[in-house]
Amino acid sequence: MRYTGGTNRTEVFVVACELVALAFYLRGWAQDRWWKWYAAGLAAGLGFLFKQVGLAAWGCMGLHLLILMGTRELGLLAGVRRGLLLVAGAVTTVAVAAGVLAAQGALGEALYATFGFNRAYFATGDSRFPYNFVNLALLRSQIDDVLLAPLLMAAAATLHAFLWWRAPQHRPPEIETPLRAQRPVCPRYFLLFFLWGVVAFYGALLSPHGFRHYLVPWFPPLLLVAGYLINVLRTEVSLLTRLQQRAWVAVAFVILGYFSYGALWWQYTDTARVWMERVEQREVAEWEYVGAAVARHTRPDERVQIWGFLPGAYLTAKRVNASRYFTTEKVGQVGAGAQHIVAEIEATLRAHPPALIVLSNAERNRMMGIALPPSEFTIFPWIETHYTLAEELPRFGTYYLYRRIESPSAHGGALVRGYAGP
């Protein structure tokens, strides 16, 4: 997804839900109201509906409450009450979603997609306990370029917080006094952020593929832990004063600035590349290229089916998918575990043939048996019988557009070869 910047990933919405949940949780400590704890649970449950790892912050909130009850910083009854409200909120969100799905007759399939299919996804992927070294290496390759500065800050913050807790007798009186006078409303908040970060990163580490977008739910706790360092410096004295008074603080900021520069330069070069291709050279993305061709060969009321992972092509063409499985990338990733997807797509297309079918050159060759591994789909002979080749798109590895024979093409049915697109 070259030009979307990751904004279409479910992790983006998971982060939004978890941050809302955290905000209500922290505000509950500032002013104890039942609805704040309940709202925190509601938001956390909504994050789970987007992705299972959306429960990471919610679970760490519960663990945080248990720790505070164990240290006697929170009363037993108050802790149980808040924990039950967190659970009730999350259960409410999931129950409402389950009710809506049940009313539509889709609850069983939703449960399979959430749990059953994921088991197959993990079984055929590279996930293993406690972790896969290859996935760790892939994730580290993404981290090293852009996250060295917050990682160093988080490491320094963790070391400082541990020593601050382990040896309180070494705290300078001029710092200890204002800290006690302005104690944070949420006890041990750093521990909450740290636990959340560990769980979120481990969730990415256990993923069956080393995709970098799996790291997105880890960013909020990482930055919150890193921000603790700035907060401590500003609590002691103003940041500018501390830079003036302590040479090591200035040196630390220069080092962090050096690593931050690398991340900023990487972002700049990537933005410049996209700007050059999109604005200066007016290049189109793959899904825009295919979507424009789909729009040329179909009417707005006709359905289409596009193999591969091109959801943007449907949006570009403003056409509705024939099967509810409008992408097929999971078939290649899961193999035999996705046989029900293959069967349903083929049955749907045979029962209700779409006006247009789009195949990439790689998928078409696998269907024809001239490329390995062979395709899980066996519908290509049926496509050749009931469809005619309407256009070959030469860019992005070549795409083939097949128009249903019984339906006249939107532009007259003539075969168009070699159209390069806008």
Protein backbone atom coordinates (compact mmCIF):
# COMPACT_ATOMS: atom_id res chain seq x y z
CA MET A 1 0.00 0.00 0.00
CA ARG A 2 2.49 2.54 -1.23
CA TYR A 3 0.67 5.83 -0.83
CA THR A 4 -1.71 5.22 2.05
CA GLY A 5 0.89 5.70 4.79
CA GLY A 6 -0.62 2.89 6.85
CA THR A 7 -3.85 4.76 7.52
CA ASN A 8 -5.90 1.79 6.39
CA ARG A 9 -4.45 -0.58 9.00
CA THR A 10 -6.60 -1.83 11.85
CA GLU A 11 -3.74 -1.04 14.24
CA VAL A 12 -4.40 2.68 13.75
CA PHE A 13 -7.90 2.28 15.17
CA VAL A 14 -6.62 -0.02 17.93
CA VAL A 15 -4.27 2.75 19.07
CA ALA A 16 -7.10 5.29 19.09
CA CYS A 17 -9.33 3.03 21.19
CA GLU A 18 -6.57 2.14 23.63
CA LEU A 19 -5.57 5.77 24.15
CA VAL A 20 -9.19 6.70 24.86
CA ALA A 21 -9.39 3.82 27.34
CA LEU A 22 -6.17 4.96 29.02
CA ALA A 23 -7.41 8.56 29.22
CA PHE A 24 -10.59 7.49 31.03
CA TYR A 25 -8.57 5.19 33.30
CA LEU A 26 -6.20 7.99 34.35
CA ARG A 27 -9.05 10.46 34.77
CA GLY A 28 -10.73 7.92 37.02
CA TRP A 29 -7.77 8.23 39.37
CA ALA A 30 -8.03 12.02 39.29
CA GLN A 31 -11.74 11.95 40.11
CA ASP A 32 -13.30 8.64 41.02
CA ARG A 33 -16.53 8.29 39.03
CA TRP A 34 -17.98 4.92 38.07
CA TRP A 35 -18.68 5.94 34.50
CA LYS A 36 -15.00 6.71 33.84
CA TRP A 37 -13.93 3.17 34.65
CA TYR A 38 -16.86 1.82 32.66
CA ALA A 39 -15.99 4.06 29.68
CA ALA A 40 -12.38 2.83 29.84
CA GLY A 41 -13.70 -0.72 29.49
CA LEU A 42 -16.00 0.26 26.63
CA ALA A 43 -13.13 1.80 24.65
CA ALA A 44 -10.87 -1.18 25.35
CA GLY A 45 -13.57 -3.59 24.16
CA LEU A 46 -13.92 -1.56 20.97
CA GLY A 47 -10.18 -1.91 20.40
CA PHE A 48 -10.55 -5.69 20.69
CA LEU A 49 -13.17 -5.63 17.94
CA PHE A 50 -10.56 -4.18 15.61
CA LYS A 51 -7.75 -6.56 16.62
CA GLN A 52 -7.17 -9.04 19.44
CA VAL A 53 -4.09 -7.17 20.65
CA GLY A 54 -6.45 -4.27 21.40
CA LEU A 55 -6.94 -5.83 24.84
CA ALA A 56 -3.29 -5.24 25.80
CA ALA A 57 -3.89 -1.91 27.54
CA TRP A 58 -7.09 -3.23 29.16
CA GLY A 59 -5.28 -6.25 30.58
CA CYS A 60 -2.46 -4.07 31.90
CA MET A 61 -4.98 -1.77 33.59
CA GLY A 62 -6.38 -4.77 35.43
CA LEU A 63 -2.88 -5.94 36.35
CA HIS A 64 -2.05 -2.43 37.53
CA LEU A 65 -5.06 -2.47 39.84
CA LEU A 66 -4.04 -5.86 41.25
CA ILE A 67 -0.51 -4.63 41.93
CA LEU A 68 -1.79 -1.55 43.73
CA MET A 69 -4.13 -3.66 45.82
CA GLY A 70 -1.20 -5.93 46.67
CA THR A 71 0.93 -2.97 47.78
CA ARG A 72 -1.96 -1.54 49.84
CA GLU A 73 -1.97 1.64 47.75
CA LEU A 74 -5.54 0.86 46.73
CA GLY A 75 -8.23 -0.57 48.95
CA LEU A 76 -9.56 -4.03 48.20
CA LEU A 77 -13.19 -2.95 47.70
CA ALA A 78 -12.23 0.05 45.56
CA GLY A 79 -9.93 -2.09 43.42
CA VAL A 80 -12.53 -4.81 42.92
CA ARG A 81 -15.17 -2.20 42.04
CA ARG A 82 -12.95 -0.55 39.45
CA GLY A 83 -11.88 -3.87 38.00
CA LEU A 84 -15.45 -5.06 37.63
CA LEU A 85 -16.39 -1.82 35.89
CA LEU A 86 -13.50 -2.28 33.45
CA VAL A 87 -14.68 -5.81 32.73
CA ALA A 88 -18.32 -4.71 32.42
CA GLY A 89 -17.41 -2.02 29.91
CA ALA A 90 -15.43 -4.37 27.69
CA VAL A 91 -18.12 -7.06 27.91
CA THR A 92 -20.80 -4.50 26.99
CA THR A 93 -19.01 -3.49 23.80
CA VAL A 94 -18.38 -7.07 22.73
CA ALA A 95 -21.96 -8.11 23.66
CA VAL A 96 -23.50 -5.30 21.60
CA ALA A 97 -21.35 -6.26 18.61
CA ALA A 98 -22.28 -9.93 19.07
CA GLY A 99 -25.96 -9.00 19.23
CA VAL A 100 -25.78 -7.04 16.00
CA LEU A 101 -23.94 -9.89 14.27
CA ALA A 102 -26.41 -12.46 15.62
CA ALA A 103 -29.31 -10.40 14.28
CA GLN A 104 -27.67 -10.54 10.87
CA GLY A 105 -27.00 -14.27 11.15
CA ALA A 106 -23.24 -13.76 11.05
CA LEU A 107 -22.19 -14.39 14.67
CA GLY A 108 -20.83 -17.89 14.04
CA GLU A 109 -18.72 -16.71 11.13
CA ALA A 110 -17.46 -13.73 13.11
CA LEU A 111 -16.35 -16.04 15.92
CA TYR A 112 -14.59 -18.26 13.42
CA ALA A 113 -12.86 -15.27 11.84
CA THR A 114 -11.74 -14.02 15.26
CA PHE A 115 -10.55 -17.32 16.75
CA GLY A 116 -10.77 -20.31 14.41
CA PHE A 117 -9.24 -18.70 11.33
CA ASN A 118 -6.54 -17.06 13.44
CA ARG A 119 -5.48 -20.46 14.74
CA ALA A 120 -4.94 -21.57 11.15
CA TYR A 121 -3.19 -18.28 10.41
CA PHE A 122 -0.75 -18.87 13.26
CA ALA A 123 -0.34 -22.57 12.51
CA THR A 124 0.83 -21.92 8.94
CA GLY A 125 2.86 -18.80 9.77
CA ASP A 126 6.20 -18.34 11.47
CA SER A 127 4.83 -17.80 14.96
CA ARG A 128 6.18 -19.96 17.76
CA PHE A 129 6.60 -19.72 21.50
CA PRO A 130 8.39 -17.93 23.06
CA TYR A 131 9.23 -16.07 19.85
CA ASN A 132 10.65 -16.48 16.35
CA PHE A 133 14.15 -15.10 15.84
CA VAL A 134 13.40 -14.28 12.20
CA ASN A 135 10.42 -12.15 13.22
CA LEU A 136 12.54 -10.41 15.83
CA ALA A 137 15.18 -9.62 13.22
CA LEU A 138 12.55 -8.28 10.80
CA LEU A 139 10.97 -6.10 13.48
CA ARG A 140 14.35 -4.82 14.62
CA SER A 141 15.20 -3.81 11.06
CA GLN A 142 12.15 -1.52 11.16
CA ILE A 143 12.90 -0.21 14.65
CA ASP A 144 16.55 0.69 14.12
CA ASP A 145 15.82 3.27 11.42
CA VAL A 146 13.23 5.41 13.16
CA LEU A 147 12.90 4.48 16.83
CA LEU A 148 16.41 4.62 18.26
CA ALA A 149 15.81 7.97 19.98
CA PRO A 150 12.61 6.97 21.85
CA LEU A 151 14.16 3.57 22.66
CA LEU A 152 17.17 5.25 24.27
CA MET A 153 14.90 7.63 26.14
CA ALA A 154 12.73 4.73 27.30
CA ALA A 155 15.80 2.81 28.49
CA ALA A 156 17.05 5.83 30.45
CA ALA A 157 13.58 6.45 31.88
CA THR A 158 13.23 2.82 32.97
CA LEU A 159 16.64 2.87 34.66
CA HIS A 160 15.83 6.15 36.43
CA ALA A 161 12.39 4.97 37.56
CA PHE A 162 13.83 1.71 38.93
CA LEU A 163 16.61 3.44 40.87
CA TRP A 164 14.20 6.12 42.08
CA TRP A 165 11.96 3.39 43.49
CA ARG A 166 14.78 1.13 44.72
CA ALA A 167 16.82 3.79 46.55
CA PRO A 168 14.51 6.60 47.70
CA GLN A 169 17.07 7.74 50.28
CA HIS A 170 19.24 9.13 47.50
CA ARG A 171 16.57 11.52 46.22
CA PRO A 172 17.72 15.14 46.62
CA PRO A 173 15.50 17.03 49.11
CA GLU A 174 14.96 19.91 46.70
CA ILE A 175 13.40 17.39 44.25
CA GLU A 176 11.69 15.08 46.73
CA THR A 177 9.74 17.85 48.45
CA PRO A 178 7.89 19.21 45.37
CA LEU A 179 7.30 15.65 44.12
CA ARG A 180 5.59 14.70 47.37
CA ALA A 181 3.57 17.91 47.30
CA GLN A 182 2.46 17.31 43.71
CA ARG A 183 2.23 13.54 43.69
CA PRO A 184 0.73 12.07 40.44
CA VAL A 185 -2.92 11.15 40.75
CA CYS A 186 -2.27 7.64 39.40
CA PRO A 187 0.18 5.70 41.58
CA ARG A 188 2.91 3.80 39.75
CA TYR A 189 1.76 5.10 36.38
CA PHE A 190 5.20 4.36 34.90
CA LEU A 191 4.71 0.68 35.73
CA LEU A 192 1.40 0.75 33.87
CA PHE A 193 3.03 2.23 30.75
CA PHE A 194 5.96 -0.19 30.98
CA LEU A 195 3.74 -3.28 31.28
CA TRP A 196 1.61 -2.10 28.38
CA GLY A 197 4.70 -1.63 26.24
CA VAL A 198 6.02 -5.12 27.04
CA VAL A 199 2.69 -6.79 26.23
CA ALA A 200 2.19 -4.79 23.01
CA PHE A 201 5.71 -5.56 21.75
CA TYR A 202 5.39 -9.23 22.63
CA GLY A 203 2.13 -9.33 20.69
CA ALA A 204 4.01 -8.10 17.62
CA LEU A 205 6.78 -10.60 18.28
CA LEU A 206 4.33 -13.53 18.38
CA SER A 207 2.70 -12.51 15.09
CA PRO A 208 2.98 -15.07 12.28
CA HIS A 209 4.69 -12.55 9.98
CA GLY A 210 7.23 -9.82 10.66
CA PHE A 211 5.05 -7.04 9.28
CA ARG A 212 6.07 -3.62 10.56
CA HIS A 213 2.49 -2.46 11.08
CA TYR A 214 2.25 -5.02 13.90
CA LEU A 215 4.47 -2.63 15.87
CA VAL A 216 1.99 0.26 15.73
CA PRO A 217 0.13 -0.67 19.00
CA TRP A 218 3.53 -0.57 20.72
CA PHE A 219 4.17 3.09 19.84
CA PRO A 220 1.88 4.73 22.46
CA PRO A 221 3.36 2.97 25.52
CA LEU A 222 6.88 3.39 24.14
CA LEU A 223 6.42 7.15 23.75
CA LEU A 224 4.71 7.44 27.14
CA VAL A 225 7.67 5.70 28.79
CA ALA A 226 10.12 7.86 26.84
CA GLY A 227 8.16 10.99 27.77
CA TYR A 228 8.69 10.15 31.44
CA LEU A 229 12.32 11.23 31.06
CA ILE A 230 11.33 14.70 29.84
CA ASN A 231 8.71 14.92 32.57
CA VAL A 232 11.28 14.11 35.28
CA LEU A 233 13.69 16.73 33.98
CA ARG A 234 10.97 19.36 33.88
CA THR A 235 9.78 18.37 37.36
CA GLU A 236 13.22 18.89 38.87
CA VAL A 237 13.68 22.30 37.22
CA SER A 238 12.82 23.79 33.87
CA LEU A 239 14.36 21.89 30.99
CA LEU A 240 16.34 24.91 29.79
CA THR A 241 17.74 25.45 33.29
CA ARG A 242 18.75 21.83 33.57
CA LEU A 243 20.55 22.04 30.22
CA GLN A 244 22.42 25.09 31.48
CA GLN A 245 23.31 23.59 34.86
CA ARG A 246 24.34 20.06 33.89
CA ALA A 247 26.74 19.31 31.04
CA TRP A 248 25.67 15.65 30.91
CA VAL A 249 22.09 16.71 30.20
CA ALA A 250 23.27 18.73 27.21
CA VAL A 251 25.38 15.79 26.03
CA ALA A 252 22.41 13.43 26.37
CA PHE A 253 20.24 15.75 24.30
CA VAL A 254 22.90 16.00 21.60
CA ILE A 255 23.10 12.18 21.43
CA LEU A 256 19.31 11.86 21.26
CA GLY A 257 19.23 14.59 18.62
CA TYR A 258 21.74 12.64 16.55
CA PHE A 259 19.60 9.52 16.53
CA SER A 260 16.46 11.59 15.96
CA TYR A 261 18.10 13.20 12.94
CA GLY A 262 18.40 9.81 11.26
CA ALA A 263 14.68 9.17 11.71
CA LEU A 264 13.76 12.64 10.48
CA TRP A 265 16.00 12.27 7.43
CA TRP A 266 14.44 8.89 6.61
CA GLN A 267 10.97 10.41 6.82
CA TYR A 268 12.04 13.35 4.66
CA THR A 269 13.52 11.17 1.93
CA ASP A 270 10.46 8.93 1.85
CA THR A 271 8.13 11.93 1.72
CA ALA A 272 10.23 13.48 -1.05
CA ARG A 273 10.05 10.28 -3.08
CA VAL A 274 6.28 10.09 -2.75
CA TRP A 275 5.95 13.80 -3.58
CA MET A 276 8.09 13.40 -6.70
CA GLU A 277 6.17 10.39 -7.96
CA ARG A 278 2.69 11.58 -7.03
CA VAL A 279 2.85 15.32 -7.63
CA GLU A 280 5.74 15.98 -10.00
CA GLN A 281 5.55 12.86 -12.16
CA ARG A 282 1.82 12.20 -11.56
CA GLU A 283 2.36 8.48 -11.06
CA VAL A 284 -0.65 6.38 -10.14
CA ALA A 285 -0.69 3.67 -7.51
CA GLU A 286 -1.35 0.07 -8.51
CA TRP A 287 -4.91 -0.01 -7.22
CA GLU A 288 -5.71 3.29 -8.95
CA TYR A 289 -4.37 1.93 -12.23
CA VAL A 290 -6.42 -1.28 -11.99
CA GLY A 291 -9.48 0.53 -10.59
CA ALA A 292 -9.56 2.96 -13.52
CA ALA A 293 -9.55 0.02 -15.94
CA VAL A 294 -12.35 -1.70 -14.01
CA ALA A 295 -14.44 1.48 -14.23
CA ARG A 296 -13.94 1.63 -18.00
CA HIS A 297 -15.26 -1.90 -18.50
CA THR A 298 -18.23 -1.90 -16.12
CA ARG A 299 -21.31 0.09 -15.26
CA PRO A 300 -21.84 1.42 -11.72
CA ASP A 301 -24.52 -1.20 -10.99
CA GLU A 302 -22.35 -4.17 -12.03
CA ARG A 303 -20.31 -6.31 -9.65
CA VAL A 304 -16.67 -7.27 -10.07
CA GLN A 305 -14.17 -9.66 -8.47
CA ILE A 306 -10.47 -8.81 -8.21
CA TRP A 307 -7.94 -11.46 -7.16
CA GLY A 308 -5.07 -10.56 -4.85
CA PHE A 309 -4.99 -7.68 -2.37
CA LEU A 310 -6.35 -4.59 -4.09
CA PRO A 311 -9.19 -3.22 -1.94
CA GLY A 312 -8.38 0.25 -3.22
CA ALA A 313 -9.26 -0.82 -6.76
CA TYR A 314 -12.89 -1.32 -5.73
CA LEU A 315 -12.91 2.14 -4.16
CA THR A 316 -11.28 3.75 -7.19
CA ALA A 317 -13.73 2.12 -9.59
CA LYS A 318 -16.70 2.61 -7.21
CA ARG A 319 -17.78 -0.95 -7.91
CA VAL A 320 -19.18 -3.57 -5.49
CA ASN A 321 -17.41 -6.91 -5.02
CA ALA A 322 -19.21 -10.07 -6.13
CA SER A 323 -18.07 -12.20 -3.17
CA ARG A 324 -17.89 -11.03 0.41
CA TYR A 325 -14.24 -12.12 0.24
CA PHE A 326 -13.14 -9.20 -1.91
CA THR A 327 -9.42 -9.98 -1.45
CA THR A 328 -7.68 -13.35 -1.67
CA GLU A 329 -4.27 -12.77 -0.05
CA LYS A 330 -5.20 -14.91 2.97
CA VAL A 331 -5.56 -17.94 0.72
CA GLY A 332 -1.87 -17.78 -0.09
CA GLN A 333 -0.91 -17.09 3.51
CA VAL A 334 -3.01 -19.78 5.18
CA GLY A 335 -3.21 -22.44 2.46
CA ALA A 336 -5.42 -25.38 3.44
CA GLY A 337 -6.82 -23.39 6.36
CA ALA A 338 -8.48 -21.06 3.87
CA GLN A 339 -10.10 -23.72 1.72
CA HIS A 340 -13.54 -22.53 2.84
CA ILE A 341 -12.71 -19.11 1.34
CA VAL A 342 -11.75 -20.71 -1.97
CA ALA A 343 -14.93 -22.80 -2.02
CA GLU A 344 -17.20 -19.87 -1.23
CA ILE A 345 -15.62 -17.53 -3.79
CA GLU A 346 -15.91 -20.14 -6.52
CA ALA A 347 -19.48 -21.05 -5.57
CA THR A 348 -20.53 -17.40 -5.43
CA LEU A 349 -19.02 -16.58 -8.81
CA ARG A 350 -20.64 -19.62 -10.44
CA ALA A 351 -24.04 -18.82 -8.93
CA HIS A 352 -23.88 -15.07 -9.57
CA PRO A 353 -21.25 -14.38 -12.23
CA PRO A 354 -19.84 -10.85 -11.91
CA ALA A 355 -19.55 -8.60 -14.93
CA LEU A 356 -15.75 -8.47 -14.67
CA ILE A 357 -12.99 -10.63 -13.19
CA VAL A 358 -9.47 -9.29 -12.71
CA LEU A 359 -6.43 -11.57 -12.42
CA SER A 360 -2.78 -10.68 -12.00
CA ASN A 361 -0.29 -12.37 -14.30
CA ALA A 362 1.16 -14.35 -11.40
CA GLU A 363 -2.23 -15.61 -10.23
CA ARG A 364 -3.34 -16.40 -13.78
CA ASN A 365 -0.20 -18.45 -14.44
CA ARG A 366 -0.69 -20.39 -11.20
CA MET A 367 -4.34 -21.07 -12.15
CA MET A 368 -3.21 -22.29 -15.57
CA GLY A 369 -0.63 -24.62 -14.01
CA ILE A 370 2.39 -22.97 -15.65
CA ALA A 371 3.80 -21.49 -12.44
CA LEU A 372 4.49 -22.86 -8.97
CA PRO A 373 3.11 -23.26 -6.44
CA PRO A 374 -0.19 -24.24 -8.12
CA SER A 375 -3.20 -22.11 -7.26
CA GLU A 376 -5.76 -23.29 -4.73
CA PHE A 377 -8.48 -22.05 -7.13
CA THR A 378 -9.81 -24.42 -9.78
CA ILE A 379 -12.22 -21.99 -11.45
CA PHE A 380 -10.04 -20.84 -14.36
CA PRO A 381 -11.52 -23.28 -16.96
CA TRP A 382 -14.96 -21.89 -16.03
CA ILE A 383 -13.68 -18.35 -16.47
CA GLU A 384 -12.31 -19.19 -19.93
CA THR A 385 -15.69 -20.66 -20.92
CA HIS A 386 -17.92 -17.83 -19.71
CA TYR A 387 -15.63 -14.82 -20.03
CA THR A 388 -13.60 -13.15 -22.73
CA LEU A 389 -10.36 -11.23 -22.30
CA ALA A 390 -11.32 -7.57 -22.44
CA GLU A 391 -8.03 -5.86 -21.71
CA GLU A 392 -4.42 -6.51 -20.75
CA LEU A 393 -2.86 -3.98 -18.40
CA PRO A 394 0.93 -4.06 -18.93
CA ARG A 395 2.02 -2.19 -15.82
CA PHE A 396 2.63 -3.62 -12.33
CA GLY A 397 3.42 -7.08 -13.68
CA THR A 398 0.40 -7.25 -16.05
CA TYR A 399 -3.26 -7.62 -15.13
CA TYR A 400 -5.94 -9.39 -17.18
CA LEU A 401 -9.54 -8.15 -17.24
CA TYR A 402 -12.13 -10.78 -18.16
CA ARG A 403 -15.57 -9.58 -19.23
CA ARG A 404 -18.62 -11.85 -18.93
CA ILE A 405 -19.67 -13.00 -22.41
CA GLU A 406 -23.41 -12.61 -21.74
CA SER A 407 -22.92 -8.99 -20.74
CA PRO A 408 -21.86 -6.33 -23.27
CA SER A 409 -18.82 -4.31 -22.23
CA ALA A 410 -19.33 -0.79 -20.95
CA HIS A 411 -17.23 0.49 -23.85
CA GLY A 412 -18.46 -1.85 -26.57
CA GLY A 413 -16.65 -5.09 -25.79
CA ALA A 414 -13.54 -4.51 -27.89
CA LEU A 415 -10.30 -6.02 -26.64
CA VAL A 416 -7.82 -3.40 -25.58
CA ARG A 417 -4.17 -4.40 -25.34
CA GLY A 418 -1.30 -2.46 -23.92
CA TYR A 419 -3.22 0.39 -22.32
CA ALA A 420 -0.72 2.13 -20.04
CA GLY A 421 -3.23 4.11 -18.01
CA PRO A 422 -3.07 7.73 -16.95
